[in-house]
N, C-alpha and C. Protein backbone atom coordinates (compact mmCIF):
# COMPACT_ATOMS: atom_id res chain seq x y z
N MET A 1 -75.07 -19.55 -14.95
CA MET A 1 -74.80 -18.16 -15.26
C MET A 1 -73.69 -17.66 -14.34
N ASN A 2 -72.76 -16.94 -14.90
CA ASN A 2 -71.63 -16.44 -14.13
C ASN A 2 -72.02 -15.11 -13.49
N THR A 3 -72.15 -15.09 -12.17
CA THR A 3 -72.55 -13.86 -11.47
C THR A 3 -71.37 -12.98 -11.13
N HIS A 4 -70.16 -13.49 -11.31
CA HIS A 4 -68.96 -12.71 -10.97
C HIS A 4 -68.89 -11.41 -11.79
N ASN A 5 -69.19 -11.48 -13.07
CA ASN A 5 -69.11 -10.29 -13.93
C ASN A 5 -70.11 -9.22 -13.52
N SER A 6 -71.28 -9.60 -13.05
CA SER A 6 -72.29 -8.61 -12.69
C SER A 6 -71.92 -7.87 -11.42
N GLN A 7 -70.98 -8.39 -10.65
CA GLN A 7 -70.58 -7.75 -9.40
C GLN A 7 -69.37 -6.85 -9.57
N LEU A 8 -68.80 -6.76 -10.76
CA LEU A 8 -67.65 -5.90 -11.00
C LEU A 8 -68.07 -4.44 -11.00
N THR A 9 -67.23 -3.60 -10.43
CA THR A 9 -67.50 -2.17 -10.49
C THR A 9 -67.09 -1.63 -11.85
N HIS A 10 -67.48 -0.43 -12.15
CA HIS A 10 -67.11 0.19 -13.43
C HIS A 10 -65.60 0.26 -13.58
N GLU A 11 -64.89 0.61 -12.50
CA GLU A 11 -63.43 0.73 -12.55
C GLU A 11 -62.77 -0.61 -12.82
N GLN A 12 -63.37 -1.69 -12.31
CA GLN A 12 -62.80 -3.02 -12.52
C GLN A 12 -63.06 -3.52 -13.93
N SER A 13 -64.20 -3.20 -14.49
CA SER A 13 -64.55 -3.72 -15.80
C SER A 13 -64.06 -2.84 -16.95
N HIS A 14 -63.70 -1.58 -16.66
CA HIS A 14 -63.21 -0.67 -17.69
C HIS A 14 -61.88 -0.08 -17.24
N PRO A 15 -60.81 -0.31 -17.99
CA PRO A 15 -59.53 0.25 -17.59
C PRO A 15 -59.58 1.78 -17.63
N PRO A 16 -58.79 2.45 -16.81
CA PRO A 16 -58.81 3.92 -16.80
C PRO A 16 -58.38 4.49 -18.15
N VAL A 17 -58.93 5.64 -18.49
CA VAL A 17 -58.61 6.31 -19.75
C VAL A 17 -57.43 7.25 -19.49
N THR A 18 -56.42 7.16 -20.33
CA THR A 18 -55.27 8.04 -20.18
C THR A 18 -55.54 9.37 -20.85
N ALA A 19 -54.74 10.37 -20.50
CA ALA A 19 -54.92 11.72 -21.03
C ALA A 19 -54.83 11.75 -22.56
N ASP A 20 -53.93 10.96 -23.14
CA ASP A 20 -53.79 10.97 -24.60
C ASP A 20 -54.93 10.24 -25.31
N GLN A 21 -55.75 9.47 -24.57
CA GLN A 21 -56.90 8.79 -25.16
C GLN A 21 -58.16 9.66 -25.12
N ARG A 22 -58.14 10.72 -24.33
CA ARG A 22 -59.32 11.58 -24.18
C ARG A 22 -59.48 12.48 -25.40
N GLN A 23 -60.72 12.88 -25.66
CA GLN A 23 -61.00 13.84 -26.73
C GLN A 23 -62.08 14.80 -26.25
N ARG A 24 -62.09 15.99 -26.82
CA ARG A 24 -63.08 16.98 -26.41
C ARG A 24 -64.48 16.52 -26.83
N CYS A 25 -65.43 16.81 -25.97
CA CYS A 25 -66.82 16.50 -26.26
C CYS A 25 -67.45 17.77 -26.82
N GLU A 26 -67.96 17.70 -28.03
CA GLU A 26 -68.57 18.87 -28.64
C GLU A 26 -70.04 18.95 -28.23
N VAL A 27 -70.40 20.05 -27.61
CA VAL A 27 -71.77 20.27 -27.14
C VAL A 27 -72.52 21.08 -28.19
N TRP A 28 -73.70 20.57 -28.58
CA TRP A 28 -74.56 21.28 -29.52
C TRP A 28 -75.83 21.70 -28.79
N THR A 29 -76.42 22.77 -29.24
CA THR A 29 -77.67 23.23 -28.65
C THR A 29 -78.54 23.83 -29.76
N ARG A 30 -79.80 23.94 -29.48
CA ARG A 30 -80.75 24.48 -30.46
C ARG A 30 -80.87 25.98 -30.24
N VAL A 31 -80.60 26.73 -31.30
CA VAL A 31 -80.66 28.19 -31.25
C VAL A 31 -81.44 28.67 -32.46
N MET A 32 -82.47 29.45 -32.22
CA MET A 32 -83.25 30.06 -33.31
C MET A 32 -83.71 29.03 -34.34
N GLY A 33 -84.12 27.85 -33.86
CA GLY A 33 -84.72 26.86 -34.74
C GLY A 33 -83.77 25.90 -35.39
N TYR A 34 -82.48 26.00 -35.14
CA TYR A 34 -81.54 25.03 -35.71
C TYR A 34 -80.46 24.72 -34.69
N HIS A 35 -79.74 23.62 -34.91
CA HIS A 35 -78.71 23.17 -33.97
C HIS A 35 -77.34 23.69 -34.38
N ARG A 36 -76.58 24.14 -33.38
CA ARG A 36 -75.22 24.64 -33.61
C ARG A 36 -74.32 24.18 -32.48
N PRO A 37 -73.03 24.01 -32.77
CA PRO A 37 -72.09 23.68 -31.69
C PRO A 37 -71.85 24.93 -30.83
N VAL A 38 -71.81 24.74 -29.53
CA VAL A 38 -71.60 25.87 -28.62
C VAL A 38 -70.24 26.51 -28.88
N SER A 39 -69.27 25.73 -29.32
CA SER A 39 -67.94 26.28 -29.60
C SER A 39 -67.96 27.32 -30.72
N ALA A 40 -69.00 27.33 -31.56
CA ALA A 40 -69.11 28.30 -32.65
C ALA A 40 -69.79 29.60 -32.20
N PHE A 41 -70.27 29.64 -30.96
CA PHE A 41 -70.93 30.84 -30.45
C PHE A 41 -69.88 31.93 -30.19
N ASN A 42 -70.35 33.18 -30.21
CA ASN A 42 -69.47 34.27 -29.79
C ASN A 42 -69.35 34.23 -28.26
N VAL A 43 -68.46 35.06 -27.71
CA VAL A 43 -68.16 35.03 -26.27
C VAL A 43 -69.41 35.29 -25.43
N GLY A 44 -70.23 36.24 -25.83
CA GLY A 44 -71.44 36.56 -25.09
C GLY A 44 -72.45 35.43 -25.08
N LYS A 45 -72.64 34.78 -26.22
CA LYS A 45 -73.60 33.67 -26.30
C LYS A 45 -73.08 32.46 -25.52
N GLN A 46 -71.76 32.22 -25.53
CA GLN A 46 -71.20 31.12 -24.74
C GLN A 46 -71.44 31.37 -23.26
N SER A 47 -71.28 32.61 -22.82
CA SER A 47 -71.52 32.96 -21.42
C SER A 47 -72.99 32.74 -21.07
N GLU A 48 -73.88 33.15 -21.96
CA GLU A 48 -75.31 32.96 -21.75
C GLU A 48 -75.64 31.47 -21.65
N HIS A 49 -75.02 30.65 -22.47
CA HIS A 49 -75.26 29.21 -22.47
C HIS A 49 -74.84 28.59 -21.14
N ARG A 50 -73.69 29.03 -20.59
CA ARG A 50 -73.22 28.50 -19.30
C ARG A 50 -74.17 28.86 -18.16
N GLU A 51 -74.88 29.98 -18.27
CA GLU A 51 -75.77 30.44 -17.20
C GLU A 51 -77.17 29.84 -17.28
N ARG A 52 -77.46 29.07 -18.31
CA ARG A 52 -78.80 28.49 -18.47
C ARG A 52 -79.15 27.57 -17.31
N GLN A 53 -80.41 27.58 -16.95
CA GLN A 53 -80.92 26.65 -15.94
C GLN A 53 -81.80 25.65 -16.67
N PHE A 54 -81.63 24.38 -16.33
CA PHE A 54 -82.36 23.33 -17.02
C PHE A 54 -83.71 23.11 -16.36
N PHE A 55 -84.70 22.86 -17.16
CA PHE A 55 -86.07 22.65 -16.74
C PHE A 55 -86.26 21.21 -16.30
N SER A 56 -86.88 21.02 -15.16
CA SER A 56 -87.23 19.70 -14.67
C SER A 56 -88.74 19.67 -14.44
N GLU A 57 -89.44 18.87 -15.22
CA GLU A 57 -90.89 18.85 -15.13
C GLU A 57 -91.38 18.44 -13.75
N SER A 58 -90.74 17.44 -13.15
CA SER A 58 -91.18 16.99 -11.83
C SER A 58 -91.00 18.08 -10.78
N ALA A 59 -89.90 18.82 -10.86
CA ALA A 59 -89.68 19.91 -9.91
C ALA A 59 -90.70 21.02 -10.13
N ALA A 60 -91.05 21.30 -11.37
CA ALA A 60 -92.03 22.34 -11.67
C ALA A 60 -93.41 21.94 -11.14
N CYS A 61 -93.75 20.68 -11.27
CA CYS A 61 -95.06 20.21 -10.77
C CYS A 61 -95.13 20.32 -9.26
N ARG A 62 -94.04 20.02 -8.57
CA ARG A 62 -94.02 20.14 -7.10
C ARG A 62 -94.17 21.60 -6.69
N THR A 63 -93.56 22.52 -7.43
CA THR A 63 -93.64 23.94 -7.11
C THR A 63 -95.07 24.44 -7.29
N MET A 64 -95.72 24.02 -8.35
CA MET A 64 -97.07 24.47 -8.63
C MET A 64 -98.07 23.88 -7.64
N ALA A 65 -97.82 22.65 -7.17
CA ALA A 65 -98.76 22.00 -6.26
C ALA A 65 -98.61 22.50 -4.83
N GLY A 66 -97.41 23.04 -4.50
CA GLY A 66 -97.10 23.42 -3.13
C GLY A 66 -97.80 24.62 -2.68
């Protein structure tokens, strides 16, 4: 088995992506029971989306146990 490949870093095994190869990542979220792209939200809803805090079950359990 060739172990050389498993020791390569991500940068070594994947060439860098140039600016012209990049594309926008469309973010979707669930709103009022259905999924929509965030880019279709109005300005106020986009601002609200940026301010959201993500739930972490393990962090919540530590808070409740403490």
